[in-house]
Amino acid sequence: MDDESDWRKQLLVGLAVLVIVALLIGGVVGVIAIKAADVAGIGSTPSSDTGGITFPTFKTTSKTPQDTSTTPGDATGSTPPTTSPHQQRSGIRLTASPSQAGTYQRVNLTGTYPGAGPGTSLQVQRREGTAWVDFPTSATVSGGKFSTYVETGRPGPNRFRVFDGGASRASNIVVVQIS
C-alpha cells in the first residue's frame, strides 16, 4: 500500500508543479501581450468616427498653438498639408518613409534640427481631431539629425510631427496613409 500511495503523491506533486509553471508562463506571455498592445495602440475607447475600431488615447500637449491650416484634398490624405508659418520658423524638418504602409508596419521618421544641442529630445505627436497628442515614442538629436519610427493600426491618413518641448518648437507635418 505504501508504494501505491507514494506514486499517487508524486503524481499530485508533479501535476501541481505543472499547473504552477503553466500559470507563470501564461502570466509572462499575458504581460508581454498587454505591453505590446499598449505600444501598438490597441484597446482604448473608440471615437465617434472610427467605425467601431479602437484607438489609443494620449496626453494632449498645449505647449504650442494648435495648427488650424487645411489643404485641399486633406480629408483623403492625397495632398500633404501645408506647413504653417510657425512651423517653417522652427527649423525642425521631418520626413516619413514609406508614406503609405499597412497596419503596424514600421514607418521611419527622420529629420534635421540645425542648431539643436546634442541630446535634445523630440516627442513624436499625432494629430487627433483638433489636438496634437503625444505618440509613445521620441527621438534624440545628434549632430543636427534625428531618427525614430512609429507603428500604428489606425487606418487612413495619420498626421505626425515632432515637438521640442524645451524650445516650444514643432516640425512640419508628415502624412502617412495606413491601410
N, C-alpha and C. Protein backbone atom coordinates (compact mmCIF):
# COMPACT_ATOMS: atom_id res chain seq x y z
N MET A 1 0.80 -1.19 0.00
CA MET A 1 0.00 0.00 0.00
C MET A 1 0.85 1.26 0.00
N ASP A 2 2.04 1.24 0.62
CA ASP A 2 2.90 2.41 0.65
C ASP A 2 3.37 2.78 -0.75
N ASP A 3 3.68 1.76 -1.58
CA ASP A 3 4.12 2.02 -2.94
C ASP A 3 3.03 2.72 -3.74
N GLU A 4 1.78 2.29 -3.52
CA GLU A 4 0.66 2.87 -4.26
C GLU A 4 0.42 4.32 -3.84
N SER A 5 0.53 4.62 -2.56
CA SER A 5 0.31 6.00 -2.10
C SER A 5 1.49 6.89 -2.48
N ASP A 6 2.70 6.33 -2.57
CA ASP A 6 3.87 7.12 -2.97
C ASP A 6 3.74 7.61 -4.40
N TRP A 7 3.37 6.75 -5.34
CA TRP A 7 3.27 7.19 -6.73
C TRP A 7 2.11 8.16 -6.91
N ARG A 8 1.04 8.01 -6.11
CA ARG A 8 -0.08 8.96 -6.18
C ARG A 8 0.36 10.34 -5.66
N LYS A 9 1.12 10.31 -4.59
CA LYS A 9 1.64 11.56 -4.03
C LYS A 9 2.57 12.24 -5.04
N GLN A 10 3.44 11.47 -5.67
CA GLN A 10 4.35 12.01 -6.67
C GLN A 10 3.57 12.56 -7.88
N LEU A 11 2.53 11.85 -8.28
CA LEU A 11 1.69 12.30 -9.39
C LEU A 11 1.02 13.62 -9.05
N LEU A 12 0.48 13.77 -7.87
CA LEU A 12 -0.16 15.02 -7.45
C LEU A 12 0.84 16.17 -7.38
N VAL A 13 2.03 15.89 -6.84
CA VAL A 13 3.07 16.93 -6.76
C VAL A 13 3.48 17.34 -8.17
N GLY A 14 3.67 16.36 -9.05
CA GLY A 14 4.04 16.65 -10.44
C GLY A 14 2.98 17.49 -11.15
N LEU A 15 1.71 17.15 -10.96
CA LEU A 15 0.62 17.93 -11.55
C LEU A 15 0.57 19.35 -10.99
N ALA A 16 0.78 19.48 -9.70
CA ALA A 16 0.79 20.81 -9.08
C ALA A 16 1.92 21.66 -9.65
N VAL A 17 3.10 21.07 -9.82
CA VAL A 17 4.23 21.80 -10.39
C VAL A 17 3.91 22.22 -11.83
N LEU A 18 3.33 21.32 -12.62
CA LEU A 18 2.96 21.66 -13.99
C LEU A 18 1.96 22.81 -14.05
N VAL A 19 0.97 22.81 -13.18
CA VAL A 19 -0.02 23.88 -13.14
C VAL A 19 0.65 25.20 -12.77
N ILE A 20 1.54 25.19 -11.80
CA ILE A 20 2.23 26.42 -11.38
C ILE A 20 3.10 26.96 -12.51
N VAL A 21 3.84 26.08 -13.18
CA VAL A 21 4.69 26.51 -14.30
C VAL A 21 3.82 27.07 -15.43
N ALA A 22 2.72 26.41 -15.74
CA ALA A 22 1.82 26.89 -16.80
C ALA A 22 1.26 28.27 -16.45
N LEU A 23 0.88 28.47 -15.19
CA LEU A 23 0.36 29.78 -14.78
C LEU A 23 1.43 30.87 -14.89
N LEU A 24 2.67 30.55 -14.49
CA LEU A 24 3.76 31.52 -14.59
C LEU A 24 4.04 31.88 -16.06
N ILE A 25 4.13 30.88 -16.92
CA ILE A 25 4.39 31.15 -18.33
C ILE A 25 3.23 31.93 -18.94
N GLY A 26 2.02 31.55 -18.63
CA GLY A 26 0.85 32.28 -19.13
C GLY A 26 0.83 33.72 -18.65
N GLY A 27 1.23 33.94 -17.41
CA GLY A 27 1.27 35.31 -16.88
C GLY A 27 2.31 36.16 -17.59
N VAL A 28 3.49 35.59 -17.83
CA VAL A 28 4.55 36.33 -18.54
C VAL A 28 4.11 36.64 -19.96
N VAL A 29 3.55 35.66 -20.66
CA VAL A 29 3.08 35.89 -22.03
C VAL A 29 1.96 36.93 -22.03
N GLY A 30 1.09 36.87 -21.05
CA GLY A 30 0.00 37.85 -20.96
C GLY A 30 0.51 39.27 -20.75
N VAL A 31 1.48 39.44 -19.86
CA VAL A 31 2.06 40.76 -19.62
C VAL A 31 2.73 41.28 -20.88
N ILE A 32 3.47 40.43 -21.58
CA ILE A 32 4.12 40.84 -22.83
C ILE A 32 3.08 41.25 -23.86
N ALA A 33 2.00 40.49 -23.98
CA ALA A 33 0.94 40.81 -24.94
C ALA A 33 0.28 42.14 -24.60
N ILE A 34 0.05 42.40 -23.32
CA ILE A 34 -0.58 43.67 -22.91
C ILE A 34 0.35 44.83 -23.22
N LYS A 35 1.64 44.69 -22.93
CA LYS A 35 2.59 45.77 -23.23
C LYS A 35 2.69 46.00 -24.74
N ALA A 36 2.70 44.92 -25.53
CA ALA A 36 2.74 45.06 -26.99
C ALA A 36 1.49 45.77 -27.50
N ALA A 37 0.34 45.45 -26.92
CA ALA A 37 -0.90 46.12 -27.32
C ALA A 37 -0.86 47.59 -26.95
N ASP A 38 -0.28 47.93 -25.79
CA ASP A 38 -0.15 49.33 -25.40
C ASP A 38 0.73 50.09 -26.39
N VAL A 39 1.87 49.50 -26.74
CA VAL A 39 2.79 50.16 -27.67
C VAL A 39 2.14 50.31 -29.04
N ALA A 40 1.40 49.29 -29.47
CA ALA A 40 0.75 49.33 -30.78
C ALA A 40 -0.49 50.21 -30.78
N GLY A 41 -0.98 50.60 -29.61
CA GLY A 41 -2.14 51.47 -29.53
C GLY A 41 -3.45 50.73 -29.64
N ILE A 42 -3.49 49.48 -29.23
CA ILE A 42 -4.71 48.68 -29.30
C ILE A 42 -5.43 48.73 -27.96
N GLY A 43 -6.76 48.90 -28.00
CA GLY A 43 -7.53 48.67 -26.80
C GLY A 43 -8.09 49.85 -26.06
N SER A 44 -8.15 51.02 -26.63
CA SER A 44 -8.79 52.13 -25.93
C SER A 44 -10.18 52.35 -26.49
N THR A 45 -10.89 53.31 -25.94
CA THR A 45 -12.26 53.55 -26.37
C THR A 45 -12.29 54.21 -27.74
N PRO A 46 -13.23 53.78 -28.61
CA PRO A 46 -13.29 54.36 -29.95
C PRO A 46 -13.90 55.75 -29.95
N SER A 47 -13.47 56.57 -30.91
CA SER A 47 -14.11 57.87 -31.09
C SER A 47 -15.30 57.68 -32.00
N SER A 48 -16.09 58.71 -32.19
CA SER A 48 -17.33 58.59 -32.92
C SER A 48 -17.15 58.29 -34.40
N ASP A 49 -16.00 58.60 -34.99
CA ASP A 49 -15.84 58.42 -36.43
C ASP A 49 -14.93 57.25 -36.79
N THR A 50 -14.74 56.30 -35.92
CA THR A 50 -13.80 55.22 -36.21
C THR A 50 -14.46 53.96 -36.71
N GLY A 51 -15.76 53.93 -36.81
CA GLY A 51 -16.43 52.74 -37.30
C GLY A 51 -16.28 51.56 -36.36
N GLY A 52 -16.14 51.81 -35.07
CA GLY A 52 -16.05 50.75 -34.08
C GLY A 52 -14.64 50.25 -33.82
N ILE A 53 -13.66 50.75 -34.56
CA ILE A 53 -12.27 50.34 -34.34
C ILE A 53 -11.74 51.13 -33.16
N THR A 54 -11.00 50.47 -32.27
CA THR A 54 -10.50 51.16 -31.09
C THR A 54 -9.10 51.70 -31.33
N PHE A 55 -8.85 52.89 -30.81
CA PHE A 55 -7.56 53.55 -30.95
C PHE A 55 -7.13 54.07 -29.59
N PRO A 56 -5.80 54.28 -29.41
CA PRO A 56 -5.31 54.75 -28.11
C PRO A 56 -5.65 56.21 -27.87
N THR A 57 -5.68 56.55 -26.61
CA THR A 57 -5.80 57.96 -26.25
C THR A 57 -4.48 58.37 -25.61
N PHE A 58 -4.04 59.58 -25.89
CA PHE A 58 -2.77 60.07 -25.40
C PHE A 58 -2.97 61.40 -24.72
N LYS A 59 -1.96 61.80 -23.98
CA LYS A 59 -1.96 63.08 -23.30
C LYS A 59 -1.91 64.21 -24.34
N THR A 60 -2.77 65.21 -24.18
CA THR A 60 -2.79 66.35 -25.09
C THR A 60 -1.72 67.34 -24.67
N THR A 61 -1.03 67.87 -25.63
CA THR A 61 0.03 68.85 -25.37
C THR A 61 -0.51 70.23 -25.69
N SER A 62 -0.25 71.18 -24.82
CA SER A 62 -0.74 72.53 -25.06
C SER A 62 0.40 73.53 -25.04
N LYS A 63 1.61 73.07 -25.42
CA LYS A 63 2.77 73.94 -25.38
C LYS A 63 2.89 74.84 -26.60
N THR A 64 2.18 74.50 -27.68
CA THR A 64 2.22 75.34 -28.87
C THR A 64 0.80 75.63 -29.32
N PRO A 65 0.61 76.70 -30.09
CA PRO A 65 -0.72 76.95 -30.62
C PRO A 65 -1.14 75.81 -31.54
N GLN A 66 -2.43 75.54 -31.59
CA GLN A 66 -2.95 74.49 -32.44
C GLN A 66 -2.84 74.90 -33.90
N ASP A 67 -2.47 73.95 -34.76
CA ASP A 67 -2.39 74.18 -36.18
C ASP A 67 -3.80 74.04 -36.76
N THR A 68 -4.30 75.07 -37.40
CA THR A 68 -5.64 75.03 -37.95
C THR A 68 -5.62 75.11 -39.46
N SER A 69 -4.43 74.96 -40.06
CA SER A 69 -4.35 75.06 -41.51
C SER A 69 -4.97 73.84 -42.16
N THR A 70 -5.56 74.04 -43.34
CA THR A 70 -6.12 72.94 -44.11
C THR A 70 -5.61 73.04 -45.53
N THR A 71 -5.67 71.94 -46.21
CA THR A 71 -5.21 71.88 -47.57
C THR A 71 -6.25 71.17 -48.40
N PRO A 72 -6.51 71.60 -49.63
CA PRO A 72 -7.45 70.85 -50.47
C PRO A 72 -6.98 69.40 -50.58
N GLY A 73 -7.93 68.48 -50.49
CA GLY A 73 -7.59 67.06 -50.57
C GLY A 73 -7.12 66.50 -49.24
N ASP A 74 -7.12 67.29 -48.18
CA ASP A 74 -6.62 66.87 -46.88
C ASP A 74 -7.39 65.71 -46.30
N ALA A 75 -8.69 65.63 -46.55
CA ALA A 75 -9.51 64.57 -45.97
C ALA A 75 -9.10 63.20 -46.49
N THR A 76 -8.61 63.12 -47.70
CA THR A 76 -8.23 61.83 -48.25
C THR A 76 -6.76 61.54 -48.03
N GLY A 77 -6.00 62.53 -47.65
CA GLY A 77 -4.57 62.35 -47.45
C GLY A 77 -3.81 62.36 -48.77
N SER A 78 -4.49 62.69 -49.88
CA SER A 78 -3.83 62.65 -51.17
C SER A 78 -2.86 63.80 -51.36
N THR A 79 -3.11 64.91 -50.68
CA THR A 79 -2.22 66.06 -50.75
C THR A 79 -1.73 66.36 -49.36
N PRO A 80 -0.42 66.41 -49.14
CA PRO A 80 0.08 66.70 -47.80
C PRO A 80 -0.33 68.09 -47.36
N PRO A 81 -0.60 68.28 -46.06
CA PRO A 81 -0.97 69.60 -45.58
C PRO A 81 0.19 70.58 -45.72
N THR A 82 -0.16 71.83 -45.82
CA THR A 82 0.87 72.86 -45.90
C THR A 82 1.49 73.07 -44.53
N THR A 83 2.66 73.64 -44.52
CA THR A 83 3.34 73.93 -43.26
C THR A 83 2.96 75.33 -42.83
N SER A 84 2.56 75.47 -41.57
CA SER A 84 2.17 76.79 -41.08
C SER A 84 3.41 77.67 -40.92
N PRO A 85 3.25 78.98 -40.91
CA PRO A 85 4.40 79.87 -40.74
C PRO A 85 5.18 79.57 -39.46
N HIS A 86 4.47 79.20 -38.38
CA HIS A 86 5.15 78.88 -37.12
C HIS A 86 6.11 77.71 -37.31
N GLN A 87 5.65 76.68 -38.05
CA GLN A 87 6.48 75.50 -38.24
C GLN A 87 7.66 75.81 -39.14
N GLN A 88 7.51 76.68 -40.12
CA GLN A 88 8.61 77.00 -41.02
C GLN A 88 9.74 77.67 -40.26
N ARG A 89 9.44 78.44 -39.26
CA ARG A 89 10.46 79.14 -38.48
C ARG A 89 11.16 78.22 -37.48
N SER A 90 10.59 77.09 -37.15
CA SER A 90 11.15 76.26 -36.08
C SER A 90 12.49 75.64 -36.45
N GLY A 91 12.72 75.39 -37.73
CA GLY A 91 13.97 74.78 -38.13
C GLY A 91 13.99 73.27 -38.04
N ILE A 92 12.93 72.64 -37.56
CA ILE A 92 12.88 71.19 -37.48
C ILE A 92 12.25 70.67 -38.77
N ARG A 93 12.96 69.82 -39.49
CA ARG A 93 12.46 69.26 -40.75
C ARG A 93 12.27 67.76 -40.58
N LEU A 94 11.06 67.27 -40.85
CA LEU A 94 10.70 65.87 -40.64
C LEU A 94 10.30 65.23 -41.96
N THR A 95 10.72 63.98 -42.18
CA THR A 95 10.28 63.18 -43.32
C THR A 95 9.85 61.80 -42.82
N ALA A 96 8.94 61.17 -43.57
CA ALA A 96 8.45 59.83 -43.23
C ALA A 96 8.68 58.90 -44.42
N SER A 97 9.08 57.67 -44.13
CA SER A 97 9.29 56.69 -45.18
C SER A 97 8.93 55.30 -44.66
N PRO A 98 8.02 54.62 -45.32
CA PRO A 98 7.27 54.99 -46.50
C PRO A 98 6.11 55.92 -46.14
N SER A 99 5.54 56.56 -47.16
CA SER A 99 4.40 57.45 -46.90
C SER A 99 3.08 56.69 -46.94
N GLN A 100 3.12 55.44 -47.39
CA GLN A 100 1.95 54.55 -47.34
C GLN A 100 2.42 53.24 -46.74
N ALA A 101 1.65 52.72 -45.77
CA ALA A 101 2.06 51.49 -45.09
C ALA A 101 0.84 50.71 -44.65
N GLY A 102 1.05 49.44 -44.38
CA GLY A 102 -0.01 48.60 -43.81
C GLY A 102 -0.08 48.82 -42.31
N THR A 103 -1.15 48.32 -41.70
CA THR A 103 -1.29 48.47 -40.26
C THR A 103 -0.12 47.78 -39.55
N TYR A 104 0.40 48.45 -38.56
CA TYR A 104 1.52 48.01 -37.73
C TYR A 104 2.81 47.77 -38.52
N GLN A 105 2.90 48.36 -39.71
CA GLN A 105 4.15 48.31 -40.46
C GLN A 105 5.02 49.46 -40.00
N ARG A 106 6.32 49.24 -39.94
CA ARG A 106 7.25 50.26 -39.48
C ARG A 106 7.31 51.42 -40.46
N VAL A 107 7.18 52.64 -39.92
CA VAL A 107 7.32 53.86 -40.70
C VAL A 107 8.46 54.66 -40.06
N ASN A 108 9.53 54.88 -40.82
CA ASN A 108 10.69 55.60 -40.31
C ASN A 108 10.44 57.10 -40.35
N LEU A 109 10.73 57.77 -39.24
CA LEU A 109 10.65 59.22 -39.16
C LEU A 109 12.08 59.73 -38.98
N THR A 110 12.53 60.53 -39.92
CA THR A 110 13.89 61.07 -39.85
C THR A 110 13.83 62.56 -40.11
N GLY A 111 14.86 63.24 -39.70
CA GLY A 111 14.86 64.67 -39.96
C GLY A 111 16.11 65.37 -39.48
N THR A 112 16.05 66.68 -39.63
CA THR A 112 17.16 67.53 -39.22
C THR A 112 16.65 68.61 -38.28
N TYR A 113 17.52 69.01 -37.37
CA TYR A 113 17.22 70.09 -36.43
C TYR A 113 18.51 70.88 -36.23
N PRO A 114 18.85 71.74 -37.22
CA PRO A 114 20.09 72.50 -37.12
C PRO A 114 20.09 73.40 -35.89
N GLY A 115 21.20 73.45 -35.23
CA GLY A 115 21.34 74.33 -34.07
C GLY A 115 20.85 73.72 -32.77
N ALA A 116 20.23 72.54 -32.82
CA ALA A 116 19.77 71.90 -31.58
C ALA A 116 20.98 71.34 -30.84
N GLY A 117 20.95 71.46 -29.54
CA GLY A 117 22.03 70.91 -28.74
C GLY A 117 22.04 69.39 -28.80
N PRO A 118 23.20 68.78 -28.67
CA PRO A 118 23.25 67.32 -28.68
C PRO A 118 22.42 66.76 -27.54
N GLY A 119 21.67 65.73 -27.83
CA GLY A 119 20.83 65.11 -26.81
C GLY A 119 19.46 65.75 -26.66
N THR A 120 19.14 66.75 -27.49
CA THR A 120 17.81 67.35 -27.44
C THR A 120 16.77 66.27 -27.75
N SER A 121 15.75 66.19 -26.93
CA SER A 121 14.71 65.17 -27.10
C SER A 121 13.52 65.76 -27.85
N LEU A 122 13.06 65.01 -28.85
CA LEU A 122 11.90 65.41 -29.65
C LEU A 122 10.79 64.39 -29.43
N GLN A 123 9.61 64.85 -29.04
CA GLN A 123 8.47 63.98 -28.82
C GLN A 123 7.69 63.83 -30.12
N VAL A 124 7.42 62.59 -30.53
CA VAL A 124 6.58 62.35 -31.70
C VAL A 124 5.13 62.59 -31.28
N GLN A 125 4.40 63.32 -32.11
CA GLN A 125 2.99 63.60 -31.84
C GLN A 125 2.16 63.26 -33.06
N ARG A 126 0.89 62.87 -32.82
CA ARG A 126 -0.05 62.59 -33.90
C ARG A 126 -1.26 63.49 -33.74
N ARG A 127 -1.80 63.94 -34.84
CA ARG A 127 -2.98 64.79 -34.82
C ARG A 127 -4.21 63.94 -34.51
N GLU A 128 -4.92 64.29 -33.45
CA GLU A 128 -6.15 63.62 -33.04
C GLU A 128 -7.25 64.66 -33.06
N GLY A 129 -8.05 64.71 -34.11
CA GLY A 129 -9.09 65.74 -34.23
C GLY A 129 -8.44 67.10 -34.37
N THR A 130 -8.63 67.96 -33.38
CA THR A 130 -8.06 69.31 -33.43
C THR A 130 -6.85 69.47 -32.52
N ALA A 131 -6.41 68.38 -31.89
CA ALA A 131 -5.30 68.48 -30.93
C ALA A 131 -4.13 67.59 -31.33
N TRP A 132 -2.95 67.98 -30.92
CA TRP A 132 -1.76 67.14 -31.06
C TRP A 132 -1.59 66.36 -29.78
N VAL A 133 -1.43 65.04 -29.91
CA VAL A 133 -1.25 64.19 -28.73
C VAL A 133 0.08 63.44 -28.85
N ASP A 134 0.71 63.21 -27.71
CA ASP A 134 2.00 62.52 -27.69
C ASP A 134 1.81 61.07 -28.15
N PHE A 135 2.64 60.65 -29.08
CA PHE A 135 2.69 59.27 -29.53
C PHE A 135 3.76 58.59 -28.67
N PRO A 136 3.61 57.31 -28.38
CA PRO A 136 4.54 56.69 -27.43
C PRO A 136 5.93 56.41 -27.99
N THR A 137 6.57 57.44 -28.53
CA THR A 137 7.95 57.33 -28.95
C THR A 137 8.56 58.72 -29.07
N SER A 138 9.87 58.78 -29.04
CA SER A 138 10.57 60.06 -29.16
C SER A 138 11.86 59.84 -29.95
N ALA A 139 12.56 60.92 -30.22
CA ALA A 139 13.84 60.85 -30.94
C ALA A 139 14.82 61.78 -30.24
N THR A 140 16.09 61.46 -30.35
CA THR A 140 17.15 62.28 -29.76
C THR A 140 18.01 62.85 -30.89
N VAL A 141 18.27 64.16 -30.81
CA VAL A 141 19.06 64.84 -31.82
C VAL A 141 20.55 64.58 -31.57
N SER A 142 21.25 64.24 -32.64
CA SER A 142 22.70 64.03 -32.58
C SER A 142 23.29 64.59 -33.87
N GLY A 143 24.17 65.57 -33.74
CA GLY A 143 24.78 66.17 -34.92
C GLY A 143 23.77 66.86 -35.83
N GLY A 144 22.71 67.37 -35.24
CA GLY A 144 21.69 68.07 -36.02
C GLY A 144 20.71 67.15 -36.72
N LYS A 145 20.81 65.83 -36.48
CA LYS A 145 19.92 64.86 -37.13
C LYS A 145 19.23 64.00 -36.08
N PHE A 146 18.09 63.42 -36.46
CA PHE A 146 17.37 62.52 -35.57
C PHE A 146 16.66 61.46 -36.40
N SER A 147 16.32 60.35 -35.76
CA SER A 147 15.53 59.31 -36.41
C SER A 147 14.84 58.47 -35.35
N THR A 148 13.67 57.99 -35.71
CA THR A 148 12.90 57.08 -34.88
C THR A 148 11.92 56.39 -35.81
N TYR A 149 10.99 55.64 -35.27
CA TYR A 149 9.96 55.04 -36.12
C TYR A 149 8.67 54.92 -35.34
N VAL A 150 7.57 54.74 -36.09
CA VAL A 150 6.26 54.53 -35.50
C VAL A 150 5.64 53.30 -36.15
N GLU A 151 4.74 52.68 -35.42
CA GLU A 151 3.90 51.59 -35.94
C GLU A 151 2.52 51.87 -35.41
N THR A 152 1.52 51.87 -36.28
CA THR A 152 0.16 52.16 -35.83
C THR A 152 -0.84 51.29 -36.56
N GLY A 153 -1.93 51.03 -35.91
CA GLY A 153 -3.02 50.26 -36.50
C GLY A 153 -4.17 51.15 -36.91
N ARG A 154 -3.97 52.45 -36.84
CA ARG A 154 -5.04 53.38 -37.18
C ARG A 154 -5.10 53.59 -38.69
N PRO A 155 -6.14 53.08 -39.35
CA PRO A 155 -6.21 53.21 -40.81
C PRO A 155 -6.53 54.64 -41.24
N GLY A 156 -6.15 54.95 -42.48
CA GLY A 156 -6.40 56.27 -43.03
C GLY A 156 -5.19 57.16 -42.90
N PRO A 157 -5.37 58.45 -43.19
CA PRO A 157 -4.23 59.37 -43.09
C PRO A 157 -3.88 59.65 -41.64
N ASN A 158 -2.62 59.46 -41.27
CA ASN A 158 -2.12 59.76 -39.94
C ASN A 158 -1.15 60.92 -40.08
N ARG A 159 -1.37 62.00 -39.33
CA ARG A 159 -0.53 63.19 -39.39
C ARG A 159 0.41 63.18 -38.19
N PHE A 160 1.71 63.22 -38.47
CA PHE A 160 2.73 63.20 -37.43
C PHE A 160 3.58 64.45 -37.49
N ARG A 161 4.14 64.79 -36.34
CA ARG A 161 5.16 65.83 -36.24
C ARG A 161 6.04 65.46 -35.06
N VAL A 162 7.17 66.16 -34.93
CA VAL A 162 7.97 66.04 -33.71
C VAL A 162 7.96 67.40 -33.03
N PHE A 163 8.06 67.36 -31.70
CA PHE A 163 7.90 68.58 -30.91
C PHE A 163 9.05 68.68 -29.90
N ASP A 164 9.71 69.83 -29.90
CA ASP A 164 10.75 70.13 -28.91
C ASP A 164 10.09 70.93 -27.80
N GLY A 165 9.77 70.26 -26.70
CA GLY A 165 9.08 70.91 -25.59
C GLY A 165 9.91 71.99 -24.92
N GLY A 166 11.23 71.81 -24.87
CA GLY A 166 12.11 72.80 -24.24
C GLY A 166 12.12 74.12 -24.98
N ALA A 167 12.03 74.06 -26.30
CA ALA A 167 12.05 75.28 -27.11
C ALA A 167 10.68 75.64 -27.65
N SER A 168 9.66 74.84 -27.34
CA SER A 168 8.29 75.04 -27.86
C SER A 168 8.29 75.17 -29.38
N ARG A 169 8.97 74.22 -30.03
CA ARG A 169 9.05 74.22 -31.49
C ARG A 169 8.53 72.89 -32.04
N ALA A 170 7.80 73.01 -33.15
CA ALA A 170 7.26 71.82 -33.81
C ALA A 170 7.81 71.74 -35.22
N SER A 171 7.92 70.52 -35.71
CA SER A 171 8.38 70.30 -37.08
C SER A 171 7.22 70.52 -38.05
N ASN A 172 7.53 70.33 -39.32
CA ASN A 172 6.48 70.26 -40.33
C ASN A 172 5.66 69.00 -40.08
N ILE A 173 4.51 68.91 -40.71
CA ILE A 173 3.62 67.75 -40.57
C ILE A 173 3.88 66.80 -41.73
N VAL A 174 3.97 65.51 -41.41
CA VAL A 174 4.04 64.49 -42.46
C VAL A 174 2.78 63.64 -42.37
N VAL A 175 2.28 63.23 -43.52
CA VAL A 175 1.07 62.41 -43.58
C VAL A 175 1.46 61.02 -44.05
N VAL A 176 1.05 60.02 -43.27
CA VAL A 176 1.31 58.62 -43.62
C VAL A 176 -0.05 57.94 -43.79
N GLN A 177 -0.27 57.37 -44.97
CA GLN A 177 -1.53 56.69 -45.25
C GLN A 177 -1.40 55.25 -44.79
N ILE A 178 -2.24 54.83 -43.82
CA ILE A 178 -2.21 53.47 -43.30
C ILE A 178 -3.42 52.71 -43.85
N SER A 179 -3.16 51.56 -44.43
CA SER A 179 -4.26 50.75 -44.99
C SER A 179 -4.24 49.35 -44.43
